[in-house]
Amino acid sequence: MVSKKRYLRSLAMKQRATMQVGKAGITEAVIKQLQNEIEKNELLKISLLQNTVVEPAEVQVEIQATDATIEFVQKIGRNMVFYKRATEPKNRNISAHVGKLK
């Protein structure tokens, strides 16, 4: 049986980054967009642009500080993947499969 993180990583590999963090770093606008995207898609892939001044670890801490239910899935280079189960049942495409995994 496939683990939860492995399943989420496999889905993220097929996705393009849905958000980019630039030289302004994590702003209120970025956090608001992040919350909307992760509610709608459940899986969020973020790309850190070359001109950003924040490190991936800082981005991870800030994102998880905004909402404790957001799970960190993986980091490859300057790309990061996060998962959160959608609150609205109509948006629960991924969590229906994730709930069956360990």
PDB file of N, CA and C in Angstrom:
ATOM      1  N   MET A   1       0.837  -1.180   0.000  1.00  0.00           N
ATOM      2  CA  MET A   1       0.000   0.000   0.000  1.00  0.00           C
ATOM      3  C   MET A   1       0.886   1.248   0.000  1.00  0.00           C
ATOM      4  N   VAL A   2       0.449   2.236  -0.701  1.00  0.00           N
ATOM      5  CA  VAL A   2       1.187   3.494  -0.835  1.00  0.00           C
ATOM      6  C   VAL A   2       0.898   4.398   0.364  1.00  0.00           C
ATOM      7  N   SER A   3       1.943   5.067   0.850  1.00  0.00           N
ATOM      8  CA  SER A   3       1.739   5.985   1.971  1.00  0.00           C
ATOM      9  C   SER A   3       1.102   7.282   1.479  1.00  0.00           C
ATOM     10  N   LYS A   4       0.588   8.038   2.426  1.00  0.00           N
ATOM     11  CA  LYS A   4      -0.087   9.302   2.124  1.00  0.00           C
ATOM     12  C   LYS A   4       0.866  10.287   1.443  1.00  0.00           C
ATOM     13  N   LYS A   5       2.061  10.468   2.005  1.00  0.00           N
ATOM     14  CA  LYS A   5       3.013  11.422   1.435  1.00  0.00           C
ATOM     15  C   LYS A   5       3.474  10.985   0.053  1.00  0.00           C
ATOM     16  N   ARG A   6       3.672   9.716  -0.132  1.00  0.00           N
ATOM     17  CA  ARG A   6       4.113   9.224  -1.441  1.00  0.00           C
ATOM     18  C   ARG A   6       3.046   9.486  -2.495  1.00  0.00           C
ATOM     19  N   TYR A   7       1.792   9.262  -2.127  1.00  0.00           N
ATOM     20  CA  TYR A   7       0.687   9.528  -3.048  1.00  0.00           C
ATOM     21  C   TYR A   7       0.613  11.011  -3.405  1.00  0.00           C
ATOM     22  N   LEU A   8       0.735  11.877  -2.404  1.00  0.00           N
ATOM     23  CA  LEU A   8       0.687  13.321  -2.649  1.00  0.00           C
ATOM     24  C   LEU A   8       1.870  13.788  -3.485  1.00  0.00           C
ATOM     25  N   ARG A   9       3.054  13.219  -3.233  1.00  0.00           N
ATOM     26  CA  ARG A   9       4.225  13.574  -4.040  1.00  0.00           C
ATOM     27  C   ARG A   9       4.028  13.171  -5.493  1.00  0.00           C
ATOM     28  N   SER A  10       3.423  12.013  -5.722  1.00  0.00           N
ATOM     29  CA  SER A  10       3.203  11.569  -7.101  1.00  0.00           C
ATOM     30  C   SER A  10       2.234  12.498  -7.829  1.00  0.00           C
ATOM     31  N   LEU A  11       1.218  12.985  -7.123  1.00  0.00           N
ATOM     32  CA  LEU A  11       0.293  13.945  -7.732  1.00  0.00           C
ATOM     33  C   LEU A  11       0.991  15.269  -8.032  1.00  0.00           C
ATOM     34  N   ALA A  12       1.848  15.700  -7.112  1.00  0.00           N
ATOM     35  CA  ALA A  12       2.535  16.977  -7.271  1.00  0.00           C
ATOM     36  C   ALA A  12       3.534  16.948  -8.425  1.00  0.00           C
ATOM     37  N   MET A  13       4.110  15.812  -8.715  1.00  0.00           N
ATOM     38  CA  MET A  13       5.082  15.712  -9.809  1.00  0.00           C
ATOM     39  C   MET A  13       4.439  16.057 -11.150  1.00  0.00           C
ATOM     40  N   LYS A  14       3.167  15.777 -11.290  1.00  0.00           N
ATOM     41  CA  LYS A  14       2.454  16.017 -12.540  1.00  0.00           C
ATOM     42  C   LYS A  14       1.960  17.455 -12.659  1.00  0.00           C
ATOM     43  N   GLN A  15       2.010  18.199 -11.567  1.00  0.00           N
ATOM     44  CA  GLN A  15       1.498  19.574 -11.518  1.00  0.00           C
ATOM     45  C   GLN A  15       2.582  20.595 -11.806  1.00  0.00           C
ATOM     46  N   ARG A  16       2.151  21.712 -12.350  1.00  0.00           N
ATOM     47  CA  ARG A  16       3.030  22.873 -12.428  1.00  0.00           C
ATOM     48  C   ARG A  16       2.804  23.688 -11.153  1.00  0.00           C
ATOM     49  N   ALA A  17       3.750  24.548 -10.837  1.00  0.00           N
ATOM     50  CA  ALA A  17       3.607  25.388  -9.646  1.00  0.00           C
ATOM     51  C   ALA A  17       2.395  26.304  -9.806  1.00  0.00           C
ATOM     52  N   THR A  18       1.515  26.304  -8.810  1.00  0.00           N
ATOM     53  CA  THR A  18       0.318  27.130  -8.863  1.00  0.00           C
ATOM     54  C   THR A  18       0.567  28.517  -8.285  1.00  0.00           C
ATOM     55  N   MET A  19       1.660  28.663  -7.543  1.00  0.00           N
ATOM     56  CA  MET A  19       2.006  29.958  -6.960  1.00  0.00           C
ATOM     57  C   MET A  19       3.506  30.184  -7.068  1.00  0.00           C
ATOM     58  N   GLN A  20       3.877  31.458  -7.112  1.00  0.00           N
ATOM     59  CA  GLN A  20       5.287  31.828  -7.106  1.00  0.00           C
ATOM     60  C   GLN A  20       5.521  32.867  -6.024  1.00  0.00           C
ATOM     61  N   VAL A  21       6.643  32.733  -5.333  1.00  0.00           N
ATOM     62  CA  VAL A  21       7.028  33.702  -4.320  1.00  0.00           C
ATOM     63  C   VAL A  21       8.231  34.460  -4.871  1.00  0.00           C
ATOM     64  N   GLY A  22       8.102  35.775  -4.961  1.00  0.00           N
ATOM     65  CA  GLY A  22       9.144  36.612  -5.546  1.00  0.00           C
ATOM     66  C   GLY A  22       9.952  37.356  -4.504  1.00  0.00           C
ATOM     67  N   LYS A  23      10.524  38.481  -4.916  1.00  0.00           N
ATOM     68  CA  LYS A  23      11.432  39.215  -4.033  1.00  0.00           C
ATOM     69  C   LYS A  23      10.736  39.848  -2.834  1.00  0.00           C
ATOM     70  N   ALA A  24       9.428  40.019  -2.901  1.00  0.00           N
ATOM     71  CA  ALA A  24       8.700  40.574  -1.755  1.00  0.00           C
ATOM     72  C   ALA A  24       8.517  39.532  -0.649  1.00  0.00           C
ATOM     73  N   GLY A  25       8.733  38.264  -0.969  1.00  0.00           N
ATOM     74  CA  GLY A  25       8.595  37.208   0.024  1.00  0.00           C
ATOM     75  C   GLY A  25       7.135  36.880   0.296  1.00  0.00           C
ATOM     76  N   ILE A  26       6.858  36.453   1.519  1.00  0.00           N
ATOM     77  CA  ILE A  26       5.495  36.084   1.914  1.00  0.00           C
ATOM     78  C   ILE A  26       4.796  37.336   2.440  1.00  0.00           C
ATOM     79  N   THR A  27       3.860  37.850   1.665  1.00  0.00           N
ATOM     80  CA  THR A  27       3.088  39.029   2.057  1.00  0.00           C
ATOM     81  C   THR A  27       1.664  38.596   2.403  1.00  0.00           C
ATOM     82  N   GLU A  28       0.873  39.521   2.885  1.00  0.00           N
ATOM     83  CA  GLU A  28      -0.530  39.220   3.190  1.00  0.00           C
ATOM     84  C   GLU A  28      -1.281  38.777   1.937  1.00  0.00           C
ATOM     85  N   ALA A  29      -0.970  39.389   0.797  1.00  0.00           N
ATOM     86  CA  ALA A  29      -1.618  39.017  -0.466  1.00  0.00           C
ATOM     87  C   ALA A  29      -1.263  37.583  -0.861  1.00  0.00           C
ATOM     88  N   VAL A  30      -0.013  37.209  -0.651  1.00  0.00           N
ATOM     89  CA  VAL A  30       0.424  35.842  -0.965  1.00  0.00           C
ATOM     90  C   VAL A  30      -0.278  34.850  -0.056  1.00  0.00           C
ATOM     91  N   ILE A  31      -0.409  35.166   1.217  1.00  0.00           N
ATOM     92  CA  ILE A  31      -1.075  34.275   2.172  1.00  0.00           C
ATOM     93  C   ILE A  31      -2.546  34.111   1.810  1.00  0.00           C
ATOM     94  N   LYS A  32      -3.196  35.205   1.426  1.00  0.00           N
ATOM     95  CA  LYS A  32      -4.607  35.134   1.041  1.00  0.00           C
ATOM     96  C   LYS A  32      -4.782  34.273  -0.210  1.00  0.00           C
ATOM     97  N   GLN A  33      -3.911  34.455  -1.191  1.00  0.00           N
ATOM     98  CA  GLN A  33      -3.966  33.652  -2.406  1.00  0.00           C
ATOM     99  C   GLN A  33      -3.694  32.183  -2.092  1.00  0.00           C
ATOM    100  N   LEU A  34      -2.730  31.943  -1.212  1.00  0.00           N
ATOM    101  CA  LEU A  34      -2.396  30.590  -0.804  1.00  0.00           C
ATOM    102  C   LEU A  34      -3.596  29.897  -0.172  1.00  0.00           C
ATOM    103  N   GLN A  35      -4.277  30.578   0.727  1.00  0.00           N
ATOM    104  CA  GLN A  35      -5.441  29.989   1.391  1.00  0.00           C
ATOM    105  C   GLN A  35      -6.559  29.683   0.402  1.00  0.00           C
ATOM    106  N   ASN A  36      -6.770  30.562  -0.573  1.00  0.00           N
ATOM    107  CA  ASN A  36      -7.786  30.314  -1.597  1.00  0.00           C
ATOM    108  C   ASN A  36      -7.417  29.121  -2.476  1.00  0.00           C
ATOM    109  N   GLU A  37      -6.160  29.064  -2.895  1.00  0.00           N
ATOM    110  CA  GLU A  37      -5.708  27.988  -3.779  1.00  0.00           C
ATOM    111  C   GLU A  37      -5.742  26.631  -3.087  1.00  0.00           C
ATOM    112  N   ILE A  38      -5.288  26.576  -1.853  1.00  0.00           N
ATOM    113  CA  ILE A  38      -5.231  25.288  -1.160  1.00  0.00           C
ATOM    114  C   ILE A  38      -6.632  24.800  -0.791  1.00  0.00           C
ATOM    115  N   GLU A  39      -7.565  25.718  -0.571  1.00  0.00           N
ATOM    116  CA  GLU A  39      -8.959  25.317  -0.311  1.00  0.00           C
ATOM    117  C   GLU A  39      -9.589  24.766  -1.579  1.00  0.00           C
ATOM    118  N   LYS A  40      -9.255  25.361  -2.703  1.00  0.00           N
ATOM    119  CA  LYS A  40      -9.850  24.955  -3.966  1.00  0.00           C
ATOM    120  C   LYS A  40      -9.234  23.659  -4.513  1.00  0.00           C
ATOM    121  N   ASN A  41      -7.912  23.502  -4.359  1.00  0.00           N
ATOM    122  CA  ASN A  41      -7.212  22.381  -4.988  1.00  0.00           C
ATOM    123  C   ASN A  41      -6.697  21.313  -4.031  1.00  0.00           C
ATOM    124  N   GLU A  42      -6.636  21.609  -2.745  1.00  0.00           N
ATOM    125  CA  GLU A  42      -6.111  20.740  -1.695  1.00  0.00           C
ATOM    126  C   GLU A  42      -4.601  20.533  -1.769  1.00  0.00           C
ATOM    127  N   LEU A  43      -4.035  20.492  -2.956  1.00  0.00           N
ATOM    128  CA  LEU A  43      -2.599  20.307  -3.121  1.00  0.00           C
ATOM    129  C   LEU A  43      -2.035  21.573  -3.755  1.00  0.00           C
ATOM    130  N   LEU A  44      -1.008  22.132  -3.141  1.00  0.00           N
ATOM    131  CA  LEU A  44      -0.458  23.403  -3.585  1.00  0.00           C
ATOM    132  C   LEU A  44       1.035  23.256  -3.834  1.00  0.00           C
ATOM    133  N   LYS A  45       1.457  23.642  -5.027  1.00  0.00           N
ATOM    134  CA  LYS A  45       2.872  23.616  -5.372  1.00  0.00           C
ATOM    135  C   LYS A  45       3.341  25.056  -5.530  1.00  0.00           C
ATOM    136  N   ILE A  46       4.372  25.412  -4.770  1.00  0.00           N
ATOM    137  CA  ILE A  46       4.892  26.773  -4.751  1.00  0.00           C
ATOM    138  C   ILE A  46       6.320  26.772  -5.289  1.00  0.00           C
ATOM    139  N   SER A  47       6.600  27.741  -6.136  1.00  0.00           N
ATOM    140  CA  SER A  47       7.939  27.916  -6.679  1.00  0.00           C
ATOM    141  C   SER A  47       8.526  29.207  -6.133  1.00  0.00           C
ATOM    142  N   LEU A  48       9.744  29.128  -5.628  1.00  0.00           N
ATOM    143  CA  LEU A  48      10.448  30.328  -5.164  1.00  0.00           C
ATOM    144  C   LEU A  48      11.298  30.838  -6.315  1.00  0.00           C
ATOM    145  N   LEU A  49      11.064  32.076  -6.712  1.00  0.00           N
ATOM    146  CA  LEU A  49      11.814  32.658  -7.814  1.00  0.00           C
ATOM    147  C   LEU A  49      13.267  32.912  -7.409  1.00  0.00           C
ATOM    148  N   GLN A  50      14.134  33.040  -8.391  1.00  0.00           N
ATOM    149  CA  GLN A  50      15.562  33.247  -8.126  1.00  0.00           C
ATOM    150  C   GLN A  50      15.844  34.531  -7.356  1.00  0.00           C
ATOM    151  N   ASN A  51      15.008  35.569  -7.566  1.00  0.00           N
ATOM    152  CA  ASN A  51      15.279  36.865  -6.926  1.00  0.00           C
ATOM    153  C   ASN A  51      14.666  36.999  -5.536  1.00  0.00           C
ATOM    154  N   THR A  52      14.107  35.944  -4.996  1.00  0.00           N
ATOM    155  CA  THR A  52      13.513  36.029  -3.666  1.00  0.00           C
ATOM    156  C   THR A  52      14.598  36.049  -2.593  1.00  0.00           C
ATOM    157  N   VAL A  53      14.317  36.740  -1.509  1.00  0.00           N
ATOM    158  CA  VAL A  53      15.287  36.851  -0.425  1.00  0.00           C
ATOM    159  C   VAL A  53      15.015  35.848   0.695  1.00  0.00           C
ATOM    160  N   VAL A  54      13.881  35.154   0.632  1.00  0.00           N
ATOM    161  CA  VAL A  54      13.542  34.188   1.680  1.00  0.00           C
ATOM    162  C   VAL A  54      13.998  32.788   1.285  1.00  0.00           C
ATOM    163  N   GLU A  55      14.341  32.022   2.282  1.00  0.00           N
ATOM    164  CA  GLU A  55      14.762  30.640   2.084  1.00  0.00           C
ATOM    165  C   GLU A  55      13.541  29.720   2.143  1.00  0.00           C
ATOM    166  N   PRO A  56      13.615  28.552   1.511  1.00  0.00           N
ATOM    167  CA  PRO A  56      12.481  27.609   1.550  1.00  0.00           C
ATOM    168  C   PRO A  56      12.029  27.252   2.973  1.00  0.00           C
ATOM    169  N   ALA A  57      12.961  27.109   3.888  1.00  0.00           N
ATOM    170  CA  ALA A  57      12.600  26.778   5.270  1.00  0.00           C
ATOM    171  C   ALA A  57      11.774  27.891   5.910  1.00  0.00           C
ATOM    172  N   GLU A  58      12.106  29.146   5.603  1.00  0.00           N
ATOM    173  CA  GLU A  58      11.353  30.285   6.132  1.00  0.00           C
ATOM    174  C   GLU A  58       9.928  30.291   5.570  1.00  0.00           C
ATOM    175  N   VAL A  59       9.812  29.982   4.288  1.00  0.00           N
ATOM    176  CA  VAL A  59       8.490  29.939   3.651  1.00  0.00           C
ATOM    177  C   VAL A  59       7.646  28.853   4.296  1.00  0.00           C
ATOM    178  N   GLN A  60       8.234  27.697   4.522  1.00  0.00           N
ATOM    179  CA  GLN A  60       7.504  26.591   5.159  1.00  0.00           C
ATOM    180  C   GLN A  60       6.999  26.989   6.536  1.00  0.00           C
ATOM    181  N   VAL A  61       7.835  27.604   7.336  1.00  0.00           N
ATOM    182  CA  VAL A  61       7.448  28.016   8.689  1.00  0.00           C
ATOM    183  C   VAL A  61       6.322  29.045   8.640  1.00  0.00           C
ATOM    184  N   GLU A  62       6.441  30.024   7.747  1.00  0.00           N
ATOM    185  CA  GLU A  62       5.412  31.067   7.652  1.00  0.00           C
ATOM    186  C   GLU A  62       4.074  30.511   7.193  1.00  0.00           C
ATOM    187  N   ILE A  63       4.109  29.603   6.232  1.00  0.00           N
ATOM    188  CA  ILE A  63       2.857  29.025   5.722  1.00  0.00           C
ATOM    189  C   ILE A  63       2.179  28.192   6.797  1.00  0.00           C
ATOM    190  N   GLN A  64       2.944  27.368   7.483  1.00  0.00           N
ATOM    191  CA  GLN A  64       2.353  26.531   8.523  1.00  0.00           C
ATOM    192  C   GLN A  64       1.952  27.343   9.749  1.00  0.00           C
ATOM    193  N   ALA A  65       2.536  28.507   9.945  1.00  0.00           N
ATOM    194  CA  ALA A  65       2.134  29.375  11.056  1.00  0.00           C
ATOM    195  C   ALA A  65       0.779  30.024  10.774  1.00  0.00           C
ATOM    196  N   THR A  66       0.454  30.239   9.499  1.00  0.00           N
ATOM    197  CA  THR A  66      -0.834  30.852   9.166  1.00  0.00           C
ATOM    198  C   THR A  66      -1.981  29.885   9.390  1.00  0.00           C
ATOM    199  N   ASP A  67      -1.727  28.587   9.185  1.00  0.00           N
ATOM    200  CA  ASP A  67      -2.765  27.567   9.363  1.00  0.00           C
ATOM    201  C   ASP A  67      -2.090  26.260   9.755  1.00  0.00           C
ATOM    202  N   ALA A  68      -2.339  25.805  10.959  1.00  0.00           N
ATOM    203  CA  ALA A  68      -1.677  24.603  11.477  1.00  0.00           C
ATOM    204  C   ALA A  68      -2.123  23.323  10.775  1.00  0.00           C
ATOM    205  N   THR A  69      -3.234  23.367  10.044  1.00  0.00           N
ATOM    206  CA  THR A  69      -3.710  22.154   9.370  1.00  0.00           C
ATOM    207  C   THR A  69      -3.068  21.951   7.998  1.00  0.00           C
ATOM    208  N   ILE A  70      -2.275  22.902   7.533  1.00  0.00           N
ATOM    209  CA  ILE A  70      -1.564  22.742   6.267  1.00  0.00           C
ATOM    210  C   ILE A  70      -0.360  21.833   6.508  1.00  0.00           C
ATOM    211  N   GLU A  71      -0.283  20.764   5.727  1.00  0.00           N
ATOM    212  CA  GLU A  71       0.797  19.788   5.871  1.00  0.00           C
ATOM    213  C   GLU A  71       1.871  20.022   4.813  1.00  0.00           C
ATOM    214  N   PHE A  72       3.117  19.973   5.239  1.00  0.00           N
ATOM    215  CA  PHE A  72       4.240  20.056   4.317  1.00  0.00           C
ATOM    216  C   PHE A  72       4.433  18.674   3.710  1.00  0.00           C
ATOM    217  N   VAL A  73       4.517  18.594   2.379  1.00  0.00           N
ATOM    218  CA  VAL A  73       4.678  17.303   1.705  1.00  0.00           C
ATOM    219  C   VAL A  73       6.121  17.090   1.277  1.00  0.00           C
ATOM    220  N   GLN A  74       6.689  18.054   0.522  1.00  0.00           N
ATOM    221  CA  GLN A  74       8.072  17.896   0.090  1.00  0.00           C
ATOM    222  C   GLN A  74       8.662  19.207  -0.414  1.00  0.00           C
ATOM    223  N   LYS A  75       9.995  19.213  -0.495  1.00  0.00           N
ATOM    224  CA  LYS A  75      10.736  20.335  -1.070  1.00  0.00           C
ATOM    225  C   LYS A  75      11.777  19.745  -2.002  1.00  0.00           C
ATOM    226  N   ILE A  76      11.759  20.230  -3.239  1.00  0.00           N
ATOM    227  CA  ILE A  76      12.796  19.851  -4.194  1.00  0.00           C
ATOM    228  C   ILE A  76      13.348  21.144  -4.772  1.00  0.00           C
ATOM    229  N   GLY A  77      14.583  21.447  -4.437  1.00  0.00           N
ATOM    230  CA  GLY A  77      15.199  22.686  -4.908  1.00  0.00           C
ATOM    231  C   GLY A  77      14.438  23.895  -4.388  1.00  0.00           C
ATOM    232  N   ARG A  78      13.855  24.663  -5.301  1.00  0.00           N
ATOM    233  CA  ARG A  78      13.103  25.865  -4.929  1.00  0.00           C
ATOM    234  C   ARG A  78      11.609  25.656  -5.089  1.00  0.00           C
ATOM    235  N   ASN A  79      11.178  24.396  -5.169  1.00  0.00           N
ATOM    236  CA  ASN A  79       9.754  24.062  -5.261  1.00  0.00           C
ATOM    237  C   ASN A  79       9.309  23.354  -3.988  1.00  0.00           C
ATOM    238  N   MET A  80       8.135  23.731  -3.511  1.00  0.00           N
ATOM    239  CA  MET A  80       7.598  23.150  -2.286  1.00  0.00           C
ATOM    240  C   MET A  80       6.159  22.724  -2.529  1.00  0.00           C
ATOM    241  N   VAL A  81       5.748  21.666  -1.828  1.00  0.00           N
ATOM    242  CA  VAL A  81       4.394  21.146  -1.975  1.00  0.00           C
ATOM    243  C   VAL A  81       3.737  21.085  -0.598  1.00  0.00           C
ATOM    244  N   PHE A  82       2.475  21.562  -0.540  1.00  0.00           N
ATOM    245  CA  PHE A  82       1.695  21.544   0.695  1.00  0.00           C
ATOM    246  C   PHE A  82       0.336  20.914   0.422  1.00  0.00           C
ATOM    247  N   TYR A  83      -0.255  20.334   1.471  1.00  0.00           N
ATOM    248  CA  TYR A  83      -1.572  19.696   1.364  1.00  0.00           C
ATOM    249  C   TYR A  83      -2.442  20.128   2.537  1.00  0.00           C
ATOM    250  N   LYS A  84      -3.708  20.335   2.250  1.00  0.00           N
ATOM    251  CA  LYS A  84      -4.692  20.588   3.295  1.00  0.00           C
ATOM    252  C   LYS A  84      -6.038  20.061   2.809  1.00  0.00           C
ATOM    253  N   ARG A  85      -6.714  19.330   3.643  1.00  0.00           N
ATOM    254  CA  ARG A  85      -8.038  18.822   3.299  1.00  0.00           C
ATOM    255  C   ARG A  85      -9.008  19.991   3.183  1.00  0.00           C
ATOM    256  N   ALA A  86      -9.758  20.018   2.090  1.00  0.00           N
ATOM    257  CA  ALA A  86     -10.707  21.107   1.845  1.00  0.00           C
ATOM    258  C   ALA A  86     -11.840  21.067   2.861  1.00  0.00           C
ATOM    259  N   THR A  87     -12.317  22.240   3.261  1.00  0.00           N
ATOM    260  CA  THR A  87     -13.427  22.299   4.211  1.00  0.00           C
ATOM    261  C   THR A  87     -14.757  22.048   3.510  1.00  0.00           C
ATOM    262  N   GLU A  88     -14.842  22.398   2.231  1.00  0.00           N
ATOM    263  CA  GLU A  88     -16.081  22.178   1.480  1.00  0.00           C
ATOM    264  C   GLU A  88     -16.031  20.825   0.773  1.00  0.00           C
ATOM    265  N   PRO A  89     -17.053  19.991   0.945  1.00  0.00           N
ATOM    266  CA  PRO A  89     -17.054  18.660   0.332  1.00  0.00           C
ATOM    267  C   PRO A  89     -16.898  18.664  -1.190  1.00  0.00           C
ATOM    268  N   LYS A  90     -17.372  19.689  -1.864  1.00  0.00           N
ATOM    269  CA  LYS A  90     -17.271  19.721  -3.326  1.00  0.00           C
ATOM    270  C   LYS A  90     -15.826  19.869  -3.804  1.00  0.00           C
ATOM    271  N   ASN A  91     -14.929  20.336  -2.944  1.00  0.00           N
ATOM    272  CA  ASN A  91     -13.523  20.509  -3.304  1.00  0.00           C
ATOM    273  C   ASN A  91     -12.642  19.339  -2.871  1.00  0.00           C
ATOM    274  N   ARG A  92     -13.220  18.303  -2.306  1.00  0.00           N
ATOM    275  CA  ARG A  92     -12.448  17.183  -1.765  1.00  0.00           C
ATOM    276  C   ARG A  92     -12.189  16.105  -2.815  1.00  0.00           C
ATOM    277  N   ASN A  93     -11.419  16.428  -3.805  1.00  0.00           N
ATOM    278  CA  ASN A  93     -11.062  15.437  -4.824  1.00  0.00           C
ATOM    279  C   ASN A  93      -9.902  14.557  -4.377  1.00  0.00           C
ATOM    280  N   ILE A  94      -8.906  15.163  -3.807  1.00  0.00           N
ATOM    281  CA  ILE A  94      -7.707  14.420  -3.390  1.00  0.00           C
ATOM    282  C   ILE A  94      -7.930  13.753  -2.041  1.00  0.00           C
ATOM    283  N   SER A  95      -8.556  14.442  -1.108  1.00  0.00           N
ATOM    284  CA  SER A  95      -8.696  13.894   0.236  1.00  0.00           C
ATOM    285  C   SER A  95      -9.581  12.643   0.290  1.00  0.00           C
ATOM    286  N   ALA A  96     -10.403  12.440  -0.718  1.00  0.00           N
ATOM    287  CA  ALA A  96     -11.192  11.212  -0.771  1.00  0.00           C
ATOM    288  C   ALA A  96     -10.276   9.992  -0.899  1.00  0.00           C
ATOM    289  N   HIS A  97      -9.188  10.138  -1.656  1.00  0.00           N
ATOM    290  CA  HIS A  97      -8.219   9.051  -1.816  1.00  0.00           C
ATOM    291  C   HIS A  97      -7.244   8.997  -0.654  1.00  0.00           C
ATOM    292  N   VAL A  98      -6.844  10.160  -0.153  1.00  0.00           N
ATOM    293  CA  VAL A  98      -5.875  10.238   0.932  1.00  0.00           C
ATOM    294  C   VAL A  98      -6.435   9.608   2.211  1.00  0.00           C
ATOM    295  N   GLY A  99      -7.726   9.764   2.436  1.00  0.00           N
ATOM    296  CA  GLY A  99      -8.341   9.202   3.636  1.00  0.00           C
ATOM    297  C   GLY A  99      -8.232   7.697   3.725  1.00  0.00           C
ATOM    298  N   LYS A 100      -8.065   7.034   2.600  1.00  0.00           N
ATOM    299  CA  LYS A 100      -7.955   5.576   2.568  1.00  0.00           C
ATOM    300  C   LYS A 100      -6.529   5.090   2.796  1.00  0.00           C
ATOM    301  N   LEU A 101      -5.567   6.014   2.729  1.00  0.00           N
ATOM    302  CA  LEU A 101      -4.162   5.662   2.881  1.00  0.00           C
ATOM    303  C   LEU A 101      -3.688   5.872   4.306  1.00  0.00           C
ATOM    304  N   LYS A 102      -2.555   5.273   4.631  1.00  0.00           N
ATOM    305  CA  LYS A 102      -1.966   5.444   5.953  1.00  0.00           C
ATOM    306  C   LYS A 102      -1.068   6.647   5.990  1.00  0.00           C
TER     307      LYS A 102
END
